[in-house]
Amino acid sequence: MMKGLFVRTLCVVALLVGLAAVASAQPGHGCRMATGNWAYTKTGTLLTPAGPVLYAAVGMLTIGLDGSSTGTQVSNTGGTAVKNALIGTGSVEADCSVIATVGVYNESGDTLLRTATIWLVLDDDGREARGIVTQITLPNGYVVPSVLTMLFRKVENNRGL
């Protein structure tokens, strides 16, 4: 008798856990990237014809309600640091991933230097995201092979930035 009750209870618990998992995977169930200011770091290696080059960047993006983003970053490629302007778009998928395309411009924002395609996964209830650059394309169409990862964090208070 107790064994049957235990098995039935276990089945009900398994069913409820399964239903909760399906419900949380549906659009509109906690998968959103907060608008406002986001700080990020990006690190890794560019694989150039001349050999591997270390790359790092720190930046700030402001994300609008429509998924558009603008911002700035300071990047360091092989020991040379430059400031860039950023303009991009992105969309949140039902599985809490984000696909974004970001144009990287010179500091004044009038010359496109490269376009980065980024895949992100949201966590910490949409206050943090981890990402990887899936492609870097130069204006002439050349794709720069790379291994770059990113960490984004929602800025709750932008005093001092």
Protein backbone atom coordinates (compact mmCIF):
# COMPACT_ATOMS: atom_id res chain seq x y z
CA MET A 1 0.00 0.00 0.00
CA MET A 2 2.75 2.47 0.96
CA LYS A 3 4.77 1.49 -2.12
CA GLY A 4 1.81 2.28 -4.41
CA LEU A 5 1.23 5.63 -2.71
CA PHE A 6 4.92 6.48 -3.06
CA VAL A 7 4.93 5.62 -6.78
CA ARG A 8 1.74 7.66 -7.41
CA THR A 9 3.20 10.63 -5.49
CA LEU A 10 6.43 10.37 -7.44
CA CYS A 11 4.49 10.32 -10.75
CA VAL A 12 2.45 13.40 -9.77
CA VAL A 13 5.62 15.28 -8.74
CA ALA A 14 7.31 14.31 -12.04
CA LEU A 15 4.25 15.49 -13.99
CA LEU A 16 4.18 18.84 -12.17
CA VAL A 17 7.91 19.39 -12.69
CA GLY A 18 7.49 18.56 -16.40
CA LEU A 19 4.57 20.98 -16.77
CA ALA A 20 6.52 23.73 -15.02
CA ALA A 21 9.46 23.20 -17.39
CA VAL A 22 7.20 23.41 -20.45
CA ALA A 23 5.45 26.53 -19.12
CA SER A 24 8.73 28.31 -18.38
CA ALA A 25 9.97 27.63 -21.93
CA GLN A 26 6.99 29.43 -23.46
CA PRO A 27 7.41 33.02 -24.69
CA GLY A 28 6.63 35.62 -22.07
CA HIS A 29 7.67 33.45 -19.14
CA GLY A 30 10.71 35.26 -17.70
CA CYS A 31 12.80 35.43 -20.89
CA ARG A 32 13.48 39.10 -21.32
CA MET A 33 16.49 41.33 -21.46
CA ALA A 34 15.97 44.44 -19.40
CA THR A 35 16.11 47.76 -21.16
CA GLY A 36 18.50 50.40 -19.90
CA ASN A 37 22.24 50.34 -19.32
CA TRP A 38 24.39 47.22 -19.53
CA ALA A 39 28.13 46.96 -18.84
CA TYR A 40 30.16 44.20 -20.46
CA THR A 41 33.58 42.66 -20.95
CA LYS A 42 34.72 40.77 -24.02
CA THR A 43 37.92 38.71 -24.15
CA GLY A 44 39.57 36.22 -26.43
CA THR A 45 41.65 35.79 -29.54
CA LEU A 46 41.38 36.96 -33.13
CA LEU A 47 42.76 34.44 -35.62
CA THR A 48 44.40 36.61 -38.28
CA PRO A 49 46.41 35.49 -41.31
CA ALA A 50 49.52 36.77 -39.45
CA GLY A 51 48.70 34.61 -36.42
CA PRO A 52 46.62 34.80 -33.22
CA VAL A 53 46.07 38.25 -31.68
CA LEU A 54 44.77 38.81 -28.14
CA TYR A 55 41.64 40.96 -27.85
CA ALA A 56 39.77 42.52 -24.93
CA ALA A 57 37.07 45.16 -24.57
CA VAL A 58 35.03 46.85 -21.87
CA GLY A 59 31.91 48.72 -22.82
CA MET A 60 28.50 50.09 -22.01
CA LEU A 61 25.32 49.57 -24.04
CA THR A 62 21.92 51.18 -23.65
CA ILE A 63 19.14 48.85 -24.83
CA GLY A 64 15.79 50.26 -25.93
CA LEU A 65 12.30 48.74 -25.85
CA ASP A 66 12.54 47.83 -29.55
CA GLY A 67 15.79 45.85 -29.08
CA SER A 68 17.99 48.58 -30.49
CA SER A 69 21.23 49.40 -28.70
CA THR A 70 23.81 52.17 -28.68
CA GLY A 71 26.96 52.51 -26.68
CA THR A 72 30.71 52.81 -26.48
CA GLN A 73 33.60 50.52 -25.77
CA VAL A 74 37.33 50.67 -25.33
CA SER A 75 38.94 47.70 -27.04
CA ASN A 76 42.52 46.48 -27.06
CA THR A 77 43.73 44.48 -30.03
CA GLY A 78 47.25 43.12 -29.66
CA GLY A 79 48.26 45.93 -27.32
CA THR A 80 46.61 48.87 -29.13
CA ALA A 81 43.65 50.44 -27.34
CA VAL A 82 40.94 52.43 -29.16
CA LYS A 83 37.51 53.81 -28.30
CA ASN A 84 34.56 52.77 -30.48
CA ALA A 85 30.93 53.75 -30.94
CA LEU A 86 28.38 50.89 -31.08
CA ILE A 87 24.99 50.59 -32.78
CA GLY A 88 23.06 47.33 -32.80
CA THR A 89 19.86 45.34 -32.68
CA GLY A 90 18.83 42.18 -30.88
CA SER A 91 15.93 39.92 -30.06
CA VAL A 92 15.14 37.61 -27.14
CA GLU A 93 14.14 34.05 -28.06
CA ALA A 94 11.71 31.82 -26.11
CA ASP A 95 14.63 29.77 -24.75
CA CYS A 96 16.13 32.87 -23.05
CA SER A 97 18.83 33.28 -25.68
CA VAL A 98 19.52 36.55 -27.46
CA ILE A 99 20.78 37.00 -30.99
CA ALA A 100 22.35 40.41 -31.55
CA THR A 101 24.15 42.20 -34.37
CA VAL A 102 26.35 45.13 -33.39
CA GLY A 103 28.10 47.56 -35.70
CA VAL A 104 31.45 48.74 -34.32
CA TYR A 105 32.34 52.24 -35.54
CA ASN A 106 35.23 54.64 -35.07
CA GLU A 107 34.93 56.91 -32.02
CA SER A 108 32.97 59.60 -33.88
CA GLY A 109 30.53 56.97 -35.19
CA ASP A 110 30.86 57.83 -38.89
CA THR A 111 32.93 54.87 -40.17
CA LEU A 112 31.90 51.22 -39.80
CA LEU A 113 34.93 49.14 -38.80
CA ARG A 114 33.30 45.72 -38.34
CA THR A 115 30.03 44.00 -37.53
CA ALA A 116 29.79 41.42 -34.75
CA THR A 117 27.11 38.76 -34.47
CA ILE A 118 26.66 37.64 -30.86
CA TRP A 119 24.71 34.80 -29.23
CA LEU A 120 23.84 35.32 -25.55
CA VAL A 121 22.12 33.37 -22.81
CA LEU A 122 20.25 35.33 -20.13
CA ASP A 123 20.51 34.37 -16.48
CA ASP A 124 20.00 35.88 -13.02
CA ASP A 125 16.39 36.70 -13.91
CA GLY A 126 17.46 38.72 -16.97
CA ARG A 127 20.03 40.84 -15.11
CA GLU A 128 23.07 39.07 -16.55
CA ALA A 129 24.01 37.48 -19.87
CA ARG A 130 26.87 35.32 -21.07
CA GLY A 131 27.73 35.38 -24.73
CA ILE A 132 30.00 34.36 -27.55
CA VAL A 133 30.82 36.23 -30.72
CA THR A 134 29.75 33.93 -33.55
CA GLN A 135 31.06 36.07 -36.40
CA ILE A 136 33.05 39.23 -37.06
CA THR A 137 32.65 40.69 -40.54
CA LEU A 138 34.69 43.56 -41.98
CA PRO A 139 33.02 46.11 -44.30
CA ASN A 140 34.64 44.38 -47.32
CA GLY A 141 32.90 41.11 -46.39
CA TYR A 142 35.96 39.35 -44.94
CA VAL A 143 35.07 37.20 -41.92
CA VAL A 144 37.66 37.35 -39.15
CA PRO A 145 37.88 34.01 -37.32
CA SER A 146 37.78 34.53 -33.57
CA VAL A 147 37.23 32.98 -30.17
CA LEU A 148 35.62 35.74 -28.07
CA THR A 149 33.37 35.43 -25.03
CA MET A 150 31.37 38.12 -23.26
CA LEU A 151 29.80 38.79 -19.88
CA PHE A 152 27.01 41.39 -19.59
CA ARG A 153 25.59 42.78 -16.38
CA LYS A 154 22.60 45.13 -16.00
CA VAL A 155 23.67 48.41 -14.45
CA GLU A 156 21.16 49.21 -11.74
CA ASN A 157 22.61 52.62 -11.05
CA ASN A 158 24.78 54.48 -13.50
CA ARG A 159 26.20 57.11 -11.16
CA GLY A 160 29.82 57.68 -11.97
CA LEU A 161 29.70 56.07 -15.41
